N, C-alpha and C. Protein backbone atom coordinates (compact mmCIF):
# COMPACT_ATOMS: atom_id res chain seq x y z
N MET A 1 17.27 -13.95 95.10
CA MET A 1 17.06 -14.19 93.70
C MET A 1 16.94 -15.70 93.51
N MET A 2 15.79 -16.17 93.12
CA MET A 2 15.57 -17.60 92.93
C MET A 2 15.28 -17.86 91.45
N PHE A 3 15.90 -18.89 90.93
CA PHE A 3 15.70 -19.30 89.55
C PHE A 3 15.08 -20.69 89.54
N GLU A 4 14.29 -20.97 88.50
CA GLU A 4 13.69 -22.30 88.40
C GLU A 4 14.77 -23.37 88.37
N ASN A 5 15.69 -23.21 87.49
CA ASN A 5 16.79 -24.16 87.37
C ASN A 5 18.06 -23.46 87.81
N GLU A 6 18.43 -23.68 89.02
CA GLU A 6 19.63 -23.02 89.50
C GLU A 6 20.63 -24.04 90.00
N TYR A 7 21.86 -23.66 89.91
CA TYR A 7 22.94 -24.50 90.39
C TYR A 7 23.55 -23.79 91.58
N ARG A 8 23.62 -24.46 92.68
CA ARG A 8 24.20 -23.87 93.89
C ARG A 8 25.65 -24.28 93.98
N MET A 9 26.47 -23.32 94.40
CA MET A 9 27.89 -23.62 94.54
C MET A 9 28.50 -22.78 95.64
N THR A 10 29.57 -23.26 96.18
CA THR A 10 30.35 -22.51 97.15
C THR A 10 31.51 -21.89 96.40
N LEU A 11 31.75 -20.65 96.67
CA LEU A 11 32.79 -19.93 95.93
C LEU A 11 33.78 -19.33 96.91
N ARG A 12 35.05 -19.59 96.70
CA ARG A 12 36.09 -18.98 97.52
C ARG A 12 36.58 -17.73 96.80
N VAL A 13 36.63 -16.64 97.54
CA VAL A 13 37.01 -15.35 96.96
C VAL A 13 38.09 -14.73 97.84
N PRO A 14 39.18 -14.24 97.25
CA PRO A 14 40.20 -13.57 98.05
C PRO A 14 39.61 -12.35 98.78
N ASN A 15 40.15 -12.03 99.96
CA ASN A 15 39.63 -10.92 100.76
C ASN A 15 39.55 -9.61 99.98
N GLY A 16 40.58 -9.30 99.22
CA GLY A 16 40.58 -8.04 98.47
C GLY A 16 39.44 -7.96 97.47
N LEU A 17 39.15 -9.08 96.82
CA LEU A 17 38.05 -9.11 95.85
C LEU A 17 36.71 -9.03 96.56
N GLU A 18 36.61 -9.70 97.68
CA GLU A 18 35.37 -9.65 98.46
C GLU A 18 35.07 -8.21 98.89
N LYS A 19 36.10 -7.48 99.29
CA LYS A 19 35.91 -6.08 99.70
C LYS A 19 35.43 -5.24 98.52
N LYS A 20 36.02 -5.48 97.35
CA LYS A 20 35.58 -4.74 96.15
C LYS A 20 34.11 -5.05 95.83
N LEU A 21 33.75 -6.32 95.95
CA LEU A 21 32.35 -6.70 95.70
C LEU A 21 31.41 -6.03 96.71
N ARG A 22 31.81 -6.00 97.97
CA ARG A 22 30.97 -5.35 98.99
C ARG A 22 30.80 -3.87 98.70
N LEU A 23 31.87 -3.21 98.31
CA LEU A 23 31.77 -1.78 97.96
C LEU A 23 30.83 -1.59 96.76
N SER A 24 30.94 -2.48 95.81
CA SER A 24 30.11 -2.38 94.62
C SER A 24 28.63 -2.60 94.92
N ILE A 25 28.31 -3.58 95.77
CA ILE A 25 26.89 -3.83 96.06
C ILE A 25 26.28 -2.69 96.85
N ASN A 26 27.10 -1.96 97.60
CA ASN A 26 26.58 -0.77 98.29
C ASN A 26 26.17 0.31 97.29
N LYS A 27 26.90 0.39 96.17
CA LYS A 27 26.59 1.39 95.13
C LYS A 27 25.43 0.96 94.25
N THR A 28 25.35 -0.34 93.95
CA THR A 28 24.36 -0.83 92.98
C THR A 28 23.08 -1.33 93.62
N ASN A 29 23.08 -1.49 94.94
CA ASN A 29 21.92 -2.02 95.66
C ASN A 29 21.54 -3.41 95.19
N ARG A 30 22.53 -4.20 94.82
CA ARG A 30 22.28 -5.59 94.46
C ARG A 30 22.70 -6.47 95.63
N SER A 31 22.23 -7.70 95.61
CA SER A 31 22.73 -8.68 96.57
C SER A 31 24.12 -9.10 96.10
N LEU A 32 24.86 -9.77 96.96
CA LEU A 32 26.19 -10.26 96.58
C LEU A 32 26.07 -11.21 95.39
N THR A 33 25.10 -12.11 95.46
CA THR A 33 24.87 -13.04 94.35
C THR A 33 24.51 -12.28 93.08
N GLY A 34 23.62 -11.29 93.19
CA GLY A 34 23.21 -10.50 92.03
C GLY A 34 24.39 -9.77 91.41
N GLU A 35 25.27 -9.24 92.23
CA GLU A 35 26.45 -8.52 91.73
C GLU A 35 27.40 -9.47 91.00
N ILE A 36 27.63 -10.63 91.60
CA ILE A 36 28.52 -11.61 90.96
C ILE A 36 27.93 -12.07 89.63
N LEU A 37 26.63 -12.38 89.62
CA LEU A 37 25.97 -12.82 88.38
C LEU A 37 26.01 -11.73 87.31
N ASN A 38 25.75 -10.49 87.71
CA ASN A 38 25.79 -9.38 86.76
C ASN A 38 27.17 -9.24 86.14
N ARG A 39 28.19 -9.31 86.98
CA ARG A 39 29.56 -9.18 86.48
C ARG A 39 29.94 -10.35 85.58
N LEU A 40 29.50 -11.54 85.91
CA LEU A 40 29.77 -12.70 85.04
C LEU A 40 29.09 -12.53 83.68
N GLU A 41 27.81 -12.14 83.70
CA GLU A 41 27.09 -11.93 82.44
C GLU A 41 27.79 -10.88 81.58
N ASN A 42 28.19 -9.77 82.21
CA ASN A 42 28.88 -8.70 81.47
C ASN A 42 30.18 -9.19 80.87
N SER A 43 30.89 -10.06 81.58
CA SER A 43 32.16 -10.56 81.04
C SER A 43 31.92 -11.38 79.77
N PHE A 44 30.80 -12.14 79.71
CA PHE A 44 30.49 -12.89 78.51
C PHE A 44 30.06 -11.96 77.38
N ASP A 45 29.32 -10.90 77.71
CA ASP A 45 28.93 -9.92 76.69
C ASP A 45 30.16 -9.24 76.12
N ASN A 46 31.10 -8.86 76.99
CA ASN A 46 32.33 -8.22 76.53
C ASN A 46 33.15 -9.15 75.67
N GLU A 47 33.14 -10.44 76.02
CA GLU A 47 33.87 -11.44 75.24
C GLU A 47 33.33 -11.50 73.83
N ALA A 48 32.01 -11.48 73.69
CA ALA A 48 31.38 -11.51 72.37
C ALA A 48 31.75 -10.25 71.60
N THR A 49 31.74 -9.10 72.27
CA THR A 49 32.11 -7.84 71.62
C THR A 49 33.56 -7.89 71.17
N ASP A 50 34.43 -8.44 72.01
CA ASP A 50 35.84 -8.56 71.65
C ASP A 50 36.00 -9.43 70.41
N LEU A 51 35.26 -10.53 70.34
CA LEU A 51 35.33 -11.41 69.17
C LEU A 51 34.84 -10.69 67.92
N ASP A 52 33.78 -9.89 68.05
CA ASP A 52 33.27 -9.12 66.92
C ASP A 52 34.32 -8.12 66.45
N THR A 53 34.98 -7.46 67.40
CA THR A 53 36.02 -6.49 67.06
C THR A 53 37.18 -7.16 66.36
N ILE A 54 37.61 -8.29 66.89
CA ILE A 54 38.72 -9.03 66.28
C ILE A 54 38.34 -9.49 64.88
N SER A 55 37.12 -9.96 64.71
CA SER A 55 36.65 -10.40 63.40
C SER A 55 36.67 -9.24 62.40
N ALA A 56 36.20 -8.08 62.84
CA ALA A 56 36.20 -6.90 61.96
C ALA A 56 37.63 -6.50 61.60
N GLN A 57 38.53 -6.56 62.57
CA GLN A 57 39.93 -6.21 62.31
C GLN A 57 40.56 -7.19 61.33
N LEU A 58 40.26 -8.49 61.48
CA LEU A 58 40.79 -9.49 60.56
C LEU A 58 40.27 -9.26 59.13
N THR A 59 39.00 -8.90 59.02
CA THR A 59 38.42 -8.61 57.71
C THR A 59 39.13 -7.42 57.07
N MET A 60 39.36 -6.37 57.88
CA MET A 60 40.04 -5.18 57.38
C MET A 60 41.47 -5.51 56.93
N LEU A 61 42.18 -6.32 57.72
CA LEU A 61 43.54 -6.72 57.36
C LEU A 61 43.56 -7.56 56.09
N ALA A 62 42.58 -8.44 55.95
CA ALA A 62 42.48 -9.26 54.73
C ALA A 62 42.26 -8.38 53.50
N ASP A 63 41.43 -7.35 53.65
CA ASP A 63 41.20 -6.41 52.55
C ASP A 63 42.47 -5.65 52.19
N LYS A 64 43.21 -5.23 53.23
CA LYS A 64 44.48 -4.52 52.98
C LYS A 64 45.47 -5.43 52.28
N LEU A 65 45.55 -6.69 52.72
CA LEU A 65 46.46 -7.65 52.11
C LEU A 65 46.11 -7.87 50.65
N LYS A 66 44.83 -7.96 50.36
CA LYS A 66 44.38 -8.14 48.98
C LYS A 66 44.78 -6.93 48.12
N ALA A 67 44.63 -5.73 48.69
CA ALA A 67 45.02 -4.50 47.96
C ALA A 67 46.53 -4.49 47.71
N ILE A 68 47.30 -4.91 48.70
CA ILE A 68 48.77 -4.95 48.54
C ILE A 68 49.15 -5.96 47.47
N GLU A 69 48.49 -7.12 47.47
CA GLU A 69 48.77 -8.13 46.45
C GLU A 69 48.45 -7.62 45.06
N GLN A 70 47.33 -6.89 44.93
CA GLN A 70 46.97 -6.32 43.63
C GLN A 70 47.99 -5.26 43.21
N GLU A 71 48.43 -4.45 44.17
CA GLU A 71 49.42 -3.42 43.88
C GLU A 71 50.73 -4.07 43.45
N GLN A 72 51.11 -5.16 44.12
CA GLN A 72 52.33 -5.86 43.78
C GLN A 72 52.24 -6.43 42.37
N THR A 73 51.08 -6.96 42.00
CA THR A 73 50.88 -7.48 40.65
C THR A 73 51.03 -6.36 39.63
N THR A 74 50.47 -5.19 39.95
CA THR A 74 50.59 -4.04 39.06
C THR A 74 52.05 -3.62 38.93
N LEU A 75 52.77 -3.59 40.06
CA LEU A 75 54.18 -3.22 40.03
C LEU A 75 55.00 -4.22 39.22
N SER A 76 54.69 -5.49 39.40
CA SER A 76 55.39 -6.53 38.65
C SER A 76 55.15 -6.35 37.16
N SER A 77 53.93 -6.01 36.79
CA SER A 77 53.59 -5.77 35.39
C SER A 77 54.36 -4.57 34.85
N GLU A 78 54.44 -3.51 35.66
CA GLU A 78 55.17 -2.31 35.24
C GLU A 78 56.67 -2.60 35.14
N ALA A 79 57.18 -3.41 36.07
CA ALA A 79 58.61 -3.76 36.03
C ALA A 79 58.92 -4.54 34.75
N LEU A 80 58.04 -5.47 34.38
CA LEU A 80 58.24 -6.23 33.15
C LEU A 80 58.25 -5.32 31.93
N LYS A 81 57.37 -4.33 31.93
CA LYS A 81 57.34 -3.37 30.81
C LYS A 81 58.65 -2.61 30.73
N LEU A 82 59.18 -2.19 31.89
CA LEU A 82 60.46 -1.47 31.91
C LEU A 82 61.60 -2.35 31.42
N ILE A 83 61.61 -3.60 31.87
CA ILE A 83 62.66 -4.52 31.43
C ILE A 83 62.60 -4.73 29.93
N ASN A 84 61.40 -4.92 29.41
CA ASN A 84 61.24 -5.11 27.97
C ASN A 84 61.66 -3.86 27.20
N THR A 85 61.27 -2.69 27.74
CA THR A 85 61.65 -1.44 27.07
C THR A 85 63.17 -1.27 27.08
N PHE A 86 63.80 -1.57 28.23
CA PHE A 86 65.25 -1.46 28.34
C PHE A 86 65.93 -2.42 27.36
N GLY A 87 65.38 -3.63 27.26
CA GLY A 87 65.95 -4.63 26.34
C GLY A 87 65.83 -4.21 24.89
N ALA A 88 64.83 -3.39 24.58
CA ALA A 88 64.63 -2.94 23.20
C ALA A 88 65.60 -1.82 22.82
N LEU A 89 66.25 -1.21 23.81
CA LEU A 89 67.21 -0.14 23.52
C LEU A 89 68.50 -0.73 22.97
N ASN A 90 69.21 0.08 22.14
CA ASN A 90 70.52 -0.40 21.68
C ASN A 90 71.54 -0.22 22.81
N LYS A 91 72.72 -0.80 22.65
CA LYS A 91 73.72 -0.80 23.72
C LYS A 91 74.09 0.61 24.16
N GLU A 92 74.20 1.53 23.22
CA GLU A 92 74.56 2.92 23.55
C GLU A 92 73.46 3.57 24.41
N GLN A 93 72.21 3.34 24.05
CA GLN A 93 71.09 3.89 24.81
C GLN A 93 71.02 3.28 26.21
N GLN A 94 71.29 1.97 26.31
CA GLN A 94 71.30 1.31 27.61
C GLN A 94 72.38 1.90 28.52
N LYS A 95 73.60 2.12 27.95
CA LYS A 95 74.70 2.70 28.74
C LYS A 95 74.34 4.10 29.21
N SER A 96 73.73 4.89 28.35
CA SER A 96 73.35 6.27 28.70
C SER A 96 72.29 6.25 29.81
N LEU A 97 71.34 5.36 29.68
CA LEU A 97 70.28 5.26 30.70
C LEU A 97 70.85 4.81 32.04
N MET A 98 71.77 3.86 32.02
CA MET A 98 72.40 3.38 33.25
C MET A 98 73.20 4.50 33.92
N ALA A 99 73.92 5.29 33.12
CA ALA A 99 74.69 6.40 33.67
C ALA A 99 73.75 7.43 34.30
N LEU A 100 72.63 7.67 33.66
CA LEU A 100 71.65 8.61 34.19
C LEU A 100 71.09 8.11 35.52
N CYS A 101 70.76 6.82 35.58
CA CYS A 101 70.24 6.22 36.82
C CYS A 101 71.27 6.31 37.94
N GLU A 102 72.54 6.05 37.61
CA GLU A 102 73.60 6.12 38.63
C GLU A 102 73.77 7.54 39.15
N SER A 103 73.63 8.52 38.26
CA SER A 103 73.76 9.92 38.72
C SER A 103 72.62 10.30 39.66
N PHE A 104 71.42 9.77 39.40
CA PHE A 104 70.30 10.04 40.31
C PHE A 104 70.49 9.33 41.64
N ALA A 105 71.08 8.13 41.60
CA ALA A 105 71.29 7.35 42.82
C ALA A 105 72.29 8.03 43.76
N LYS A 106 73.22 8.79 43.19
CA LYS A 106 74.24 9.47 44.00
C LYS A 106 73.67 10.69 44.72
N LYS A 107 72.57 11.24 44.22
CA LYS A 107 72.01 12.48 44.81
C LYS A 107 71.27 12.21 46.05
């Protein structure tokens, strides 16, 4: 495999990896160089796919966080309404409501 602009290099490979590469080139009918180049290219393609996946996951998490923040705002608004409603009750009504809440809490 000759390229117009190629960089030649010597590569040291552990024996176990070299054996795996040899087994692979027997299956794929590639040269050793072709097999190494193919695997390198695939690793960069997988890296890009991984980044796309991570980006999609981050977008999804950001959307969930936004929904939680909106829900929290709604809950805060509802809590304020309850506090205001409770404050509008007379002391006897407040005591009765508190007793009712305590009885539910015990169950």
